[in-house]
Amino acid sequence: MYDLTNSISPDLRRELEGRIEEVRREIERFRDIFDLPRGEISVARSIWGEMPINWEMLEESRSRRLRGYGEIPAGLPAILDPMIDRLTTLAAGIEKLLEPGPRPKRSR
């Protein structure tokens, strides 16, 4: 597991933001010169599309899969597998919420 830490100084961040803006302008210039269509990417659809990768990571974390890396400590399956089951349930809920297509409106 990893924690994402921001090691970018405020000065470097400003420099990067400026360069990123320059790249965006250049990409817009390409789009205009070559008359490229502007597309749109749905954040919900993008997240939903990444879910198979998350499912694979969860399944590969189960104790029976870890045995392929060597002997696992006694008692680990009893602790780990229910945690993976819970994460799987939570991920399924997220996937269901983001599933493409019409969803019934919720009443308040």
PDB file of N, CA and C in Angstrom:
ATOM      1  N   MET A   1       0.850  -1.169   0.000  1.00  0.00           N
ATOM      2  CA  MET A   1       0.000   0.000   0.000  1.00  0.00           C
ATOM      3  C   MET A   1       0.896   1.232   0.000  1.00  0.00           C
ATOM      4  N   TYR A   2       0.393   2.260  -0.593  1.00  0.00           N
ATOM      5  CA  TYR A   2       1.174   3.482  -0.735  1.00  0.00           C
ATOM      6  C   TYR A   2       0.343   4.681  -0.326  1.00  0.00           C
ATOM      7  N   ASP A   3       1.019   5.680   0.215  1.00  0.00           N
ATOM      8  CA  ASP A   3       0.419   6.991   0.438  1.00  0.00           C
ATOM      9  C   ASP A   3       0.977   7.914  -0.627  1.00  0.00           C
ATOM     10  N   LEU A   4       0.118   8.665  -1.246  1.00  0.00           N
ATOM     11  CA  LEU A   4       0.544   9.628  -2.252  1.00  0.00           C
ATOM     12  C   LEU A   4       0.940  10.911  -1.529  1.00  0.00           C
ATOM     13  N   THR A   5       2.185  11.318  -1.693  1.00  0.00           N
ATOM     14  CA  THR A   5       2.657  12.531  -1.046  1.00  0.00           C
ATOM     15  C   THR A   5       3.022  13.564  -2.099  1.00  0.00           C
ATOM     16  N   ASN A   6       2.757  14.792  -1.800  1.00  0.00           N
ATOM     17  CA  ASN A   6       3.064  15.880  -2.724  1.00  0.00           C
ATOM     18  C   ASN A   6       4.453  16.418  -2.406  1.00  0.00           C
ATOM     19  N   SER A   7       5.405  16.072  -3.242  1.00  0.00           N
ATOM     20  CA  SER A   7       6.780  16.541  -3.037  1.00  0.00           C
ATOM     21  C   SER A   7       7.111  17.700  -3.968  1.00  0.00           C
ATOM     22  N   ILE A   8       6.083  18.267  -4.584  1.00  0.00           N
ATOM     23  CA  ILE A   8       6.289  19.378  -5.517  1.00  0.00           C
ATOM     24  C   ILE A   8       6.178  20.697  -4.760  1.00  0.00           C
ATOM     25  N   SER A   9       7.211  21.486  -4.838  1.00  0.00           N
ATOM     26  CA  SER A   9       7.220  22.774  -4.143  1.00  0.00           C
ATOM     27  C   SER A   9       6.242  23.732  -4.832  1.00  0.00           C
ATOM     28  N   PRO A  10       5.765  24.754  -4.116  1.00  0.00           N
ATOM     29  CA  PRO A  10       4.872  25.732  -4.740  1.00  0.00           C
ATOM     30  C   PRO A  10       5.491  26.382  -5.986  1.00  0.00           C
ATOM     31  N   ASP A  11       6.783  26.679  -5.954  1.00  0.00           N
ATOM     32  CA  ASP A  11       7.435  27.279  -7.124  1.00  0.00           C
ATOM     33  C   ASP A  11       7.424  26.324  -8.316  1.00  0.00           C
ATOM     34  N   LEU A  12       7.756  25.070  -8.064  1.00  0.00           N
ATOM     35  CA  LEU A  12       7.758  24.086  -9.133  1.00  0.00           C
ATOM     36  C   LEU A  12       6.336  23.862  -9.653  1.00  0.00           C
ATOM     37  N   ARG A  13       5.369  23.860  -8.759  1.00  0.00           N
ATOM     38  CA  ARG A  13       3.966  23.699  -9.173  1.00  0.00           C
ATOM     39  C   ARG A  13       3.563  24.810 -10.142  1.00  0.00           C
ATOM     40  N   ARG A  14       3.903  26.050  -9.822  1.00  0.00           N
ATOM     41  CA  ARG A  14       3.579  27.166 -10.715  1.00  0.00           C
ATOM     42  C   ARG A  14       4.249  26.986 -12.078  1.00  0.00           C
ATOM     43  N   GLU A  15       5.499  26.546 -12.066  1.00  0.00           N
ATOM     44  CA  GLU A  15       6.223  26.302 -13.315  1.00  0.00           C
ATOM     45  C   GLU A  15       5.534  25.202 -14.119  1.00  0.00           C
ATOM     46  N   LEU A  16       5.162  24.115 -13.457  1.00  0.00           N
ATOM     47  CA  LEU A  16       4.475  23.020 -14.143  1.00  0.00           C
ATOM     48  C   LEU A  16       3.126  23.457 -14.698  1.00  0.00           C
ATOM     49  N   GLU A  17       2.386  24.220 -13.917  1.00  0.00           N
ATOM     50  CA  GLU A  17       1.084  24.703 -14.386  1.00  0.00           C
ATOM     51  C   GLU A  17       1.241  25.545 -15.647  1.00  0.00           C
ATOM     52  N   GLY A  18       2.268  26.382 -15.679  1.00  0.00           N
ATOM     53  CA  GLY A  18       2.535  27.197 -16.857  1.00  0.00           C
ATOM     54  C   GLY A  18       2.858  26.338 -18.071  1.00  0.00           C
ATOM     55  N   ARG A  19       3.674  25.334 -17.873  1.00  0.00           N
ATOM     56  CA  ARG A  19       4.047  24.457 -18.994  1.00  0.00           C
ATOM     57  C   ARG A  19       2.866  23.610 -19.460  1.00  0.00           C
ATOM     58  N   ILE A  20       2.070  23.159 -18.521  1.00  0.00           N
ATOM     59  CA  ILE A  20       0.875  22.385 -18.888  1.00  0.00           C
ATOM     60  C   ILE A  20      -0.077  23.255 -19.706  1.00  0.00           C
ATOM     61  N   GLU A  21      -0.232  24.492 -19.308  1.00  0.00           N
ATOM     62  CA  GLU A  21      -1.083  25.416 -20.062  1.00  0.00           C
ATOM     63  C   GLU A  21      -0.524  25.616 -21.471  1.00  0.00           C
ATOM     64  N   GLU A  22       0.784  25.682 -21.578  1.00  0.00           N
ATOM     65  CA  GLU A  22       1.415  25.819 -22.891  1.00  0.00           C
ATOM     66  C   GLU A  22       1.134  24.582 -23.755  1.00  0.00           C
ATOM     67  N   VAL A  23       1.213  23.415 -23.164  1.00  0.00           N
ATOM     68  CA  VAL A  23       0.910  22.172 -23.882  1.00  0.00           C
ATOM     69  C   VAL A  23      -0.552  22.180 -24.334  1.00  0.00           C
ATOM     70  N   ARG A  24      -1.458  22.599 -23.453  1.00  0.00           N
ATOM     71  CA  ARG A  24      -2.877  22.665 -23.822  1.00  0.00           C
ATOM     72  C   ARG A  24      -3.109  23.604 -25.006  1.00  0.00           C
ATOM     73  N   ARG A  25      -2.454  24.750 -24.993  1.00  0.00           N
ATOM     74  CA  ARG A  25      -2.594  25.688 -26.116  1.00  0.00           C
ATOM     75  C   ARG A  25      -2.090  25.055 -27.414  1.00  0.00           C
ATOM     76  N   GLU A  26      -0.992  24.325 -27.312  1.00  0.00           N
ATOM     77  CA  GLU A  26      -0.427  23.679 -28.500  1.00  0.00           C
ATOM     78  C   GLU A  26      -1.382  22.593 -29.023  1.00  0.00           C
ATOM     79  N   ILE A  27      -1.967  21.842 -28.119  1.00  0.00           N
ATOM     80  CA  ILE A  27      -2.939  20.817 -28.522  1.00  0.00           C
ATOM     81  C   ILE A  27      -4.157  21.474 -29.175  1.00  0.00           C
ATOM     82  N   GLU A  28      -4.623  22.578 -28.624  1.00  0.00           N
ATOM     83  CA  GLU A  28      -5.741  23.309 -29.228  1.00  0.00           C
ATOM     84  C   GLU A  28      -5.374  23.796 -30.630  1.00  0.00           C
ATOM     85  N   ARG A  29      -4.151  24.221 -30.804  1.00  0.00           N
ATOM     86  CA  ARG A  29      -3.679  24.667 -32.118  1.00  0.00           C
ATOM     87  C   ARG A  29      -3.727  23.501 -33.113  1.00  0.00           C
ATOM     88  N   PHE A  30      -3.255  22.328 -32.684  1.00  0.00           N
ATOM     89  CA  PHE A  30      -3.349  21.135 -33.529  1.00  0.00           C
ATOM     90  C   PHE A  30      -4.805  20.877 -33.910  1.00  0.00           C
ATOM     91  N   ARG A  31      -5.674  20.937 -32.912  1.00  0.00           N
ATOM     92  CA  ARG A  31      -7.088  20.679 -33.160  1.00  0.00           C
ATOM     93  C   ARG A  31      -7.648  21.637 -34.196  1.00  0.00           C
ATOM     94  N   ASP A  32      -7.293  22.917 -34.053  1.00  0.00           N
ATOM     95  CA  ASP A  32      -7.806  23.926 -34.982  1.00  0.00           C
ATOM     96  C   ASP A  32      -7.225  23.758 -36.390  1.00  0.00           C
ATOM     97  N   ILE A  33      -5.924  23.520 -36.490  1.00  0.00           N
ATOM     98  CA  ILE A  33      -5.270  23.377 -37.796  1.00  0.00           C
ATOM     99  C   ILE A  33      -5.830  22.176 -38.559  1.00  0.00           C
ATOM    100  N   PHE A  34      -6.008  21.069 -37.855  1.00  0.00           N
ATOM    101  CA  PHE A  34      -6.451  19.843 -38.516  1.00  0.00           C
ATOM    102  C   PHE A  34      -7.953  19.615 -38.395  1.00  0.00           C
ATOM    103  N   ASP A  35      -8.661  20.602 -37.865  1.00  0.00           N
ATOM    104  CA  ASP A  35     -10.115  20.549 -37.728  1.00  0.00           C
ATOM    105  C   ASP A  35     -10.569  19.248 -37.055  1.00  0.00           C
ATOM    106  N   LEU A  36      -9.918  18.933 -35.950  1.00  0.00           N
ATOM    107  CA  LEU A  36     -10.236  17.710 -35.218  1.00  0.00           C
ATOM    108  C   LEU A  36     -11.477  17.922 -34.352  1.00  0.00           C
ATOM    109  N   PRO A  37     -12.333  16.914 -34.267  1.00  0.00           N
ATOM    110  CA  PRO A  37     -13.528  17.061 -33.430  1.00  0.00           C
ATOM    111  C   PRO A  37     -13.137  17.062 -31.953  1.00  0.00           C
ATOM    112  N   ARG A  38     -13.887  17.801 -31.194  1.00  0.00           N
ATOM    113  CA  ARG A  38     -13.653  17.850 -29.748  1.00  0.00           C
ATOM    114  C   ARG A  38     -14.532  16.796 -29.094  1.00  0.00           C
ATOM    115  N   GLY A  39     -13.929  15.907 -28.347  1.00  0.00           N
ATOM    116  CA  GLY A  39     -14.669  14.847 -27.666  1.00  0.00           C
ATOM    117  C   GLY A  39     -14.875  15.170 -26.199  1.00  0.00           C
ATOM    118  N   GLU A  40     -15.682  14.362 -25.585  1.00  0.00           N
ATOM    119  CA  GLU A  40     -15.961  14.527 -24.161  1.00  0.00           C
ATOM    120  C   GLU A  40     -15.848  13.161 -23.502  1.00  0.00           C
ATOM    121  N   ILE A  41     -15.265  13.120 -22.331  1.00  0.00           N
ATOM    122  CA  ILE A  41     -15.138  11.872 -21.582  1.00  0.00           C
ATOM    123  C   ILE A  41     -15.889  12.032 -20.270  1.00  0.00           C
ATOM    124  N   SER A  42     -16.817  11.147 -20.040  1.00  0.00           N
ATOM    125  CA  SER A  42     -17.585  11.151 -18.802  1.00  0.00           C
ATOM    126  C   SER A  42     -16.721  10.587 -17.674  1.00  0.00           C
ATOM    127  N   VAL A  43     -16.634  11.308 -16.584  1.00  0.00           N
ATOM    128  CA  VAL A  43     -15.865  10.823 -15.432  1.00  0.00           C
ATOM    129  C   VAL A  43     -16.483   9.525 -14.914  1.00  0.00           C
ATOM    130  N   ALA A  44     -17.809   9.487 -14.817  1.00  0.00           N
ATOM    131  CA  ALA A  44     -18.479   8.283 -14.321  1.00  0.00           C
ATOM    132  C   ALA A  44     -18.174   7.084 -15.222  1.00  0.00           C
ATOM    133  N   ARG A  45     -18.243   7.301 -16.516  1.00  0.00           N
ATOM    134  CA  ARG A  45     -17.983   6.201 -17.455  1.00  0.00           C
ATOM    135  C   ARG A  45     -16.514   5.769 -17.386  1.00  0.00           C
ATOM    136  N   SER A  46     -15.620   6.717 -17.188  1.00  0.00           N
ATOM    137  CA  SER A  46     -14.200   6.408 -17.077  1.00  0.00           C
ATOM    138  C   SER A  46     -13.928   5.550 -15.838  1.00  0.00           C
ATOM    139  N   ILE A  47     -14.514   5.940 -14.713  1.00  0.00           N
ATOM    140  CA  ILE A  47     -14.346   5.164 -13.479  1.00  0.00           C
ATOM    141  C   ILE A  47     -14.943   3.772 -13.659  1.00  0.00           C
ATOM    142  N   TRP A  48     -16.154   3.714 -14.237  1.00  0.00           N
ATOM    143  CA  TRP A  48     -16.815   2.437 -14.468  1.00  0.00           C
ATOM    144  C   TRP A  48     -15.959   1.543 -15.350  1.00  0.00           C
ATOM    145  N   GLY A  49     -15.310   2.133 -16.337  1.00  0.00           N
ATOM    146  CA  GLY A  49     -14.460   1.374 -17.238  1.00  0.00           C
ATOM    147  C   GLY A  49     -13.216   0.818 -16.567  1.00  0.00           C
ATOM    148  N   GLU A  50     -12.796   1.416 -15.469  1.00  0.00           N
ATOM    149  CA  GLU A  50     -11.619   0.945 -14.737  1.00  0.00           C
ATOM    150  C   GLU A  50     -11.963  -0.165 -13.741  1.00  0.00           C
ATOM    151  N   MET A  51     -13.232  -0.400 -13.504  1.00  0.00           N
ATOM    152  CA  MET A  51     -13.636  -1.369 -12.490  1.00  0.00           C
ATOM    153  C   MET A  51     -13.098  -2.787 -12.735  1.00  0.00           C
ATOM    154  N   PRO A  52     -13.006  -3.285 -13.978  1.00  0.00           N
ATOM    155  CA  PRO A  52     -12.449  -4.631 -14.154  1.00  0.00           C
ATOM    156  C   PRO A  52     -11.036  -4.775 -13.583  1.00  0.00           C
ATOM    157  N   ILE A  53     -10.251  -3.723 -13.662  1.00  0.00           N
ATOM    158  CA  ILE A  53      -8.898  -3.759 -13.091  1.00  0.00           C
ATOM    159  C   ILE A  53      -8.993  -3.877 -11.573  1.00  0.00           C
ATOM    160  N   ASN A  54      -9.929  -3.135 -10.984  1.00  0.00           N
ATOM    161  CA  ASN A  54     -10.117  -3.211  -9.529  1.00  0.00           C
ATOM    162  C   ASN A  54     -10.581  -4.600  -9.105  1.00  0.00           C
ATOM    163  N   TRP A  55     -11.503  -5.194  -9.881  1.00  0.00           N
ATOM    164  CA  TRP A  55     -11.966  -6.549  -9.566  1.00  0.00           C
ATOM    165  C   TRP A  55     -10.802  -7.532  -9.600  1.00  0.00           C
ATOM    166  N   GLU A  56      -9.966  -7.401 -10.609  1.00  0.00           N
ATOM    167  CA  GLU A  56      -8.830  -8.319 -10.732  1.00  0.00           C
ATOM    168  C   GLU A  56      -7.890  -8.177  -9.536  1.00  0.00           C
ATOM    169  N   MET A  57      -7.601  -6.940  -9.140  1.00  0.00           N
ATOM    170  CA  MET A  57      -6.710  -6.727  -7.988  1.00  0.00           C
ATOM    171  C   MET A  57      -7.309  -7.324  -6.722  1.00  0.00           C
ATOM    172  N   LEU A  58      -8.614  -7.135  -6.527  1.00  0.00           N
ATOM    173  CA  LEU A  58      -9.257  -7.705  -5.340  1.00  0.00           C
ATOM    174  C   LEU A  58      -9.174  -9.224  -5.350  1.00  0.00           C
ATOM    175  N   GLU A  59      -9.499  -9.824  -6.483  1.00  0.00           N
ATOM    176  CA  GLU A  59      -9.477 -11.291  -6.565  1.00  0.00           C
ATOM    177  C   GLU A  59      -8.063 -11.838  -6.369  1.00  0.00           C
ATOM    178  N   GLU A  60      -7.071 -11.145  -6.879  1.00  0.00           N
ATOM    179  CA  GLU A  60      -5.685 -11.587  -6.725  1.00  0.00           C
ATOM    180  C   GLU A  60      -5.185 -11.432  -5.288  1.00  0.00           C
ATOM    181  N   SER A  61      -5.919 -10.689  -4.457  1.00  0.00           N
ATOM    182  CA  SER A  61      -5.526 -10.469  -3.066  1.00  0.00           C
ATOM    183  C   SER A  61      -6.094 -11.510  -2.118  1.00  0.00           C
ATOM    184  N   ARG A  62      -6.939 -12.366  -2.601  1.00  0.00           N
ATOM    185  CA  ARG A  62      -7.526 -13.409  -1.742  1.00  0.00           C
ATOM    186  C   ARG A  62      -6.435 -14.388  -1.307  1.00  0.00           C
ATOM    187  N   SER A  63      -6.628 -14.978  -0.124  1.00  0.00           N
ATOM    188  CA  SER A  63      -5.594 -15.847   0.460  1.00  0.00           C
ATOM    189  C   SER A  63      -5.240 -17.018  -0.449  1.00  0.00           C
ATOM    190  N   ARG A  64      -6.218 -17.587  -1.137  1.00  0.00           N
ATOM    191  CA  ARG A  64      -5.906 -18.737  -2.000  1.00  0.00           C
ATOM    192  C   ARG A  64      -4.984 -18.348  -3.143  1.00  0.00           C
ATOM    193  N   ARG A  65      -5.063 -17.092  -3.576  1.00  0.00           N
ATOM    194  CA  ARG A  65      -4.176 -16.611  -4.643  1.00  0.00           C
ATOM    195  C   ARG A  65      -2.785 -16.310  -4.106  1.00  0.00           C
ATOM    196  N   LEU A  66      -2.723 -15.850  -2.861  1.00  0.00           N
ATOM    197  CA  LEU A  66      -1.429 -15.506  -2.264  1.00  0.00           C
ATOM    198  C   LEU A  66      -0.559 -16.740  -2.046  1.00  0.00           C
ATOM    199  N   ARG A  67      -1.195 -17.891  -1.971  1.00  0.00           N
ATOM    200  CA  ARG A  67      -0.429 -19.127  -1.782  1.00  0.00           C
ATOM    201  C   ARG A  67       0.556 -19.354  -2.929  1.00  0.00           C
ATOM    202  N   GLY A  68       0.267 -18.785  -4.072  1.00  0.00           N
ATOM    203  CA  GLY A  68       1.175 -18.901  -5.209  1.00  0.00           C
ATOM    204  C   GLY A  68       2.512 -18.209  -4.971  1.00  0.00           C
ATOM    205  N   TYR A  69       2.558 -17.336  -3.966  1.00  0.00           N
ATOM    206  CA  TYR A  69       3.801 -16.617  -3.643  1.00  0.00           C
ATOM    207  C   TYR A  69       4.559 -17.290  -2.504  1.00  0.00           C
ATOM    208  N   GLY A  70       3.988 -18.351  -1.966  1.00  0.00           N
ATOM    209  CA  GLY A  70       4.627 -19.053  -0.860  1.00  0.00           C
ATOM    210  C   GLY A  70       3.623 -19.329   0.240  1.00  0.00           C
ATOM    211  N   GLU A  71       4.126 -19.894   1.301  1.00  0.00           N
ATOM    212  CA  GLU A  71       3.267 -20.251   2.426  1.00  0.00           C
ATOM    213  C   GLU A  71       2.723 -18.986   3.088  1.00  0.00           C
ATOM    214  N   ILE A  72       1.448 -19.021   3.437  1.00  0.00           N
ATOM    215  CA  ILE A  72       0.846 -17.870   4.118  1.00  0.00           C
ATOM    216  C   ILE A  72       0.658 -18.222   5.588  1.00  0.00           C
ATOM    217  N   PRO A  73       0.683 -17.230   6.464  1.00  0.00           N
ATOM    218  CA  PRO A  73       0.531 -17.497   7.892  1.00  0.00           C
ATOM    219  C   PRO A  73      -0.824 -18.137   8.214  1.00  0.00           C
ATOM    220  N   ALA A  74      -0.813 -19.044   9.167  1.00  0.00           N
ATOM    221  CA  ALA A  74      -2.055 -19.659   9.631  1.00  0.00           C
ATOM    222  C   ALA A  74      -2.982 -18.558  10.144  1.00  0.00           C
ATOM    223  N   GLY A  75      -4.223 -18.672   9.850  1.00  0.00           N
ATOM    224  CA  GLY A  75      -5.182 -17.679  10.318  1.00  0.00           C
ATOM    225  C   GLY A  75      -5.387 -16.507   9.382  1.00  0.00           C
ATOM    226  N   LEU A  76      -4.486 -16.339   8.415  1.00  0.00           N
ATOM    227  CA  LEU A  76      -4.626 -15.206   7.497  1.00  0.00           C
ATOM    228  C   LEU A  76      -5.917 -15.268   6.687  1.00  0.00           C
ATOM    229  N   PRO A  77      -6.292 -16.425   6.139  1.00  0.00           N
ATOM    230  CA  PRO A  77      -7.534 -16.459   5.365  1.00  0.00           C
ATOM    231  C   PRO A  77      -8.747 -15.983   6.156  1.00  0.00           C
ATOM    232  N   ALA A  78      -8.797 -16.317   7.433  1.00  0.00           N
ATOM    233  CA  ALA A  78      -9.941 -15.927   8.265  1.00  0.00           C
ATOM    234  C   ALA A  78     -10.015 -14.417   8.472  1.00  0.00           C
ATOM    235  N   ILE A  79      -8.891 -13.746   8.364  1.00  0.00           N
ATOM    236  CA  ILE A  79      -8.857 -12.286   8.534  1.00  0.00           C
ATOM    237  C   ILE A  79      -8.958 -11.595   7.175  1.00  0.00           C
ATOM    238  N   LEU A  80      -8.149 -12.043   6.239  1.00  0.00           N
ATOM    239  CA  LEU A  80      -8.032 -11.364   4.949  1.00  0.00           C
ATOM    240  C   LEU A  80      -9.268 -11.532   4.070  1.00  0.00           C
ATOM    241  N   ASP A  81      -9.746 -12.751   3.921  1.00  0.00           N
ATOM    242  CA  ASP A  81     -10.827 -13.000   2.977  1.00  0.00           C
ATOM    243  C   ASP A  81     -12.116 -12.231   3.296  1.00  0.00           C
ATOM    244  N   PRO A  82     -12.533 -12.138   4.560  1.00  0.00           N
ATOM    245  CA  PRO A  82     -13.711 -11.301   4.840  1.00  0.00           C
ATOM    246  C   PRO A  82     -13.475  -9.818   4.516  1.00  0.00           C
ATOM    247  N   MET A  83     -12.245  -9.361   4.685  1.00  0.00           N
ATOM    248  CA  MET A  83     -11.939  -7.970   4.327  1.00  0.00           C
ATOM    249  C   MET A  83     -12.053  -7.781   2.812  1.00  0.00           C
ATOM    250  N   ILE A  84     -11.548  -8.746   2.051  1.00  0.00           N
ATOM    251  CA  ILE A  84     -11.655  -8.687   0.593  1.00  0.00           C
ATOM    252  C   ILE A  84     -13.122  -8.768   0.180  1.00  0.00           C
ATOM    253  N   ASP A  85     -13.898  -9.623   0.861  1.00  0.00           N
ATOM    254  CA  ASP A  85     -15.341  -9.705   0.573  1.00  0.00           C
ATOM    255  C   ASP A  85     -16.015  -8.354   0.784  1.00  0.00           C
ATOM    256  N   ARG A  86     -15.664  -7.680   1.869  1.00  0.00           N
ATOM    257  CA  ARG A  86     -16.257  -6.358   2.156  1.00  0.00           C
ATOM    258  C   ARG A  86     -15.872  -5.351   1.074  1.00  0.00           C
ATOM    259  N   LEU A  87     -14.592  -5.328   0.694  1.00  0.00           N
ATOM    260  CA  LEU A  87     -14.157  -4.421  -0.374  1.00  0.00           C
ATOM    261  C   LEU A  87     -14.859  -4.738  -1.688  1.00  0.00           C
ATOM    262  N   THR A  88     -15.064  -6.017  -1.959  1.00  0.00           N
ATOM    263  CA  THR A  88     -15.766  -6.429  -3.170  1.00  0.00           C
ATOM    264  C   THR A  88     -17.201  -5.915  -3.160  1.00  0.00           C
ATOM    265  N   THR A  89     -17.863  -6.022  -2.018  1.00  0.00           N
ATOM    266  CA  THR A  89     -19.233  -5.514  -1.887  1.00  0.00           C
ATOM    267  C   THR A  89     -19.274  -4.007  -2.104  1.00  0.00           C
ATOM    268  N   LEU A  90     -18.329  -3.288  -1.512  1.00  0.00           N
ATOM    269  CA  LEU A  90     -18.277  -1.835  -1.685  1.00  0.00           C
ATOM    270  C   LEU A  90     -18.005  -1.468  -3.142  1.00  0.00           C
ATOM    271  N   ALA A  91     -17.074  -2.179  -3.780  1.00  0.00           N
ATOM    272  CA  ALA A  91     -16.752  -1.907  -5.183  1.00  0.00           C
ATOM    273  C   ALA A  91     -17.953  -2.194  -6.075  1.00  0.00           C
ATOM    274  N   ALA A  92     -18.691  -3.250  -5.770  1.00  0.00           N
ATOM    275  CA  ALA A  92     -19.885  -3.572  -6.556  1.00  0.00           C
ATOM    276  C   ALA A  92     -20.920  -2.457  -6.441  1.00  0.00           C
ATOM    277  N   GLY A  93     -21.037  -1.873  -5.255  1.00  0.00           N
ATOM    278  CA  GLY A  93     -21.951  -0.750  -5.074  1.00  0.00           C
ATOM    279  C   GLY A  93     -21.543   0.459  -5.897  1.00  0.00           C
ATOM    280  N   ILE A  94     -20.255   0.737  -5.926  1.00  0.00           N
ATOM    281  CA  ILE A  94     -19.752   1.854  -6.739  1.00  0.00           C
ATOM    282  C   ILE A  94     -20.005   1.568  -8.211  1.00  0.00           C
ATOM    283  N   GLU A  95     -19.700   0.351  -8.631  1.00  0.00           N
ATOM    284  CA  GLU A  95     -19.904  -0.011 -10.030  1.00  0.00           C
ATOM    285  C   GLU A  95     -21.371   0.139 -10.420  1.00  0.00           C
ATOM    286  N   LYS A  96     -22.266  -0.295  -9.558  1.00  0.00           N
ATOM    287  CA  LYS A  96     -23.702  -0.202  -9.835  1.00  0.00           C
ATOM    288  C   LYS A  96     -24.133   1.253  -9.971  1.00  0.00           C
ATOM    289  N   LEU A  97     -23.623   2.119  -9.105  1.00  0.00           N
ATOM    290  CA  LEU A  97     -23.970   3.543  -9.171  1.00  0.00           C
ATOM    291  C   LEU A  97     -23.500   4.188 -10.469  1.00  0.00           C
ATOM    292  N   LEU A  98     -22.366   3.743 -10.973  1.00  0.00           N
ATOM    293  CA  LEU A  98     -21.773   4.360 -12.157  1.00  0.00           C
ATOM    294  C   LEU A  98     -22.113   3.655 -13.463  1.00  0.00           C
ATOM    295  N   GLU A  99     -22.855   2.560 -13.380  1.00  0.00           N
ATOM    296  CA  GLU A  99     -23.186   1.781 -14.565  1.00  0.00           C
ATOM    297  C   GLU A  99     -23.840   2.657 -15.631  1.00  0.00           C
ATOM    298  N   PRO A 100     -23.335   2.581 -16.858  1.00  0.00           N
ATOM    299  CA  PRO A 100     -23.920   3.402 -17.925  1.00  0.00           C
ATOM    300  C   PRO A 100     -25.380   3.035 -18.167  1.00  0.00           C
ATOM    301  N   GLY A 101     -26.118   3.992 -18.657  1.00  0.00           N
ATOM    302  CA  GLY A 101     -27.518   3.771 -18.975  1.00  0.00           C
ATOM    303  C   GLY A 101     -28.420   4.457 -17.968  1.00  0.00           C
ATOM    304  N   PRO A 102     -29.695   4.489 -18.278  1.00  0.00           N
ATOM    305  CA  PRO A 102     -30.638   5.185 -17.389  1.00  0.00           C
ATOM    306  C   PRO A 102     -30.797   4.456 -16.063  1.00  0.00           C
ATOM    307  N   ARG A 103     -30.918   5.229 -15.023  1.00  0.00           N
ATOM    308  CA  ARG A 103     -31.168   4.691 -13.689  1.00  0.00           C
ATOM    309  C   ARG A 103     -32.451   5.319 -13.162  1.00  0.00           C
ATOM    310  N   PRO A 104     -33.218   4.582 -12.391  1.00  0.00           N
ATOM    311  CA  PRO A 104     -34.436   5.185 -11.830  1.00  0.00           C
ATOM    312  C   PRO A 104     -34.070   6.298 -10.868  1.00  0.00           C
ATOM    313  N   LYS A 105     -34.880   7.346 -10.859  1.00  0.00           N
ATOM    314  CA  LYS A 105     -34.634   8.458  -9.948  1.00  0.00           C
ATOM    315  C   LYS A 105     -34.971   8.032  -8.525  1.00  0.00           C
ATOM    316  N   ARG A 106     -34.175   8.519  -7.602  1.00  0.00           N
ATOM    317  CA  ARG A 106     -34.388   8.209  -6.182  1.00  0.00           C
ATOM    318  C   ARG A 106     -35.300   9.257  -5.579  1.00  0.00           C
ATOM    319  N   SER A 107     -36.197   8.784  -4.738  1.00  0.00           N
ATOM    320  CA  SER A 107     -37.047   9.756  -4.032  1.00  0.00           C
ATOM    321  C   SER A 107     -36.352  10.152  -2.749  1.00  0.00           C
ATOM    322  N   ARG A 108     -36.616  11.355  -2.322  1.00  0.00           N
ATOM    323  CA  ARG A 108     -35.949  11.846  -1.109  1.00  0.00           C
ATOM    324  C   ARG A 108     -36.787  11.667   0.089  1.00  0.00           C
TER     325      ARG A 108
END
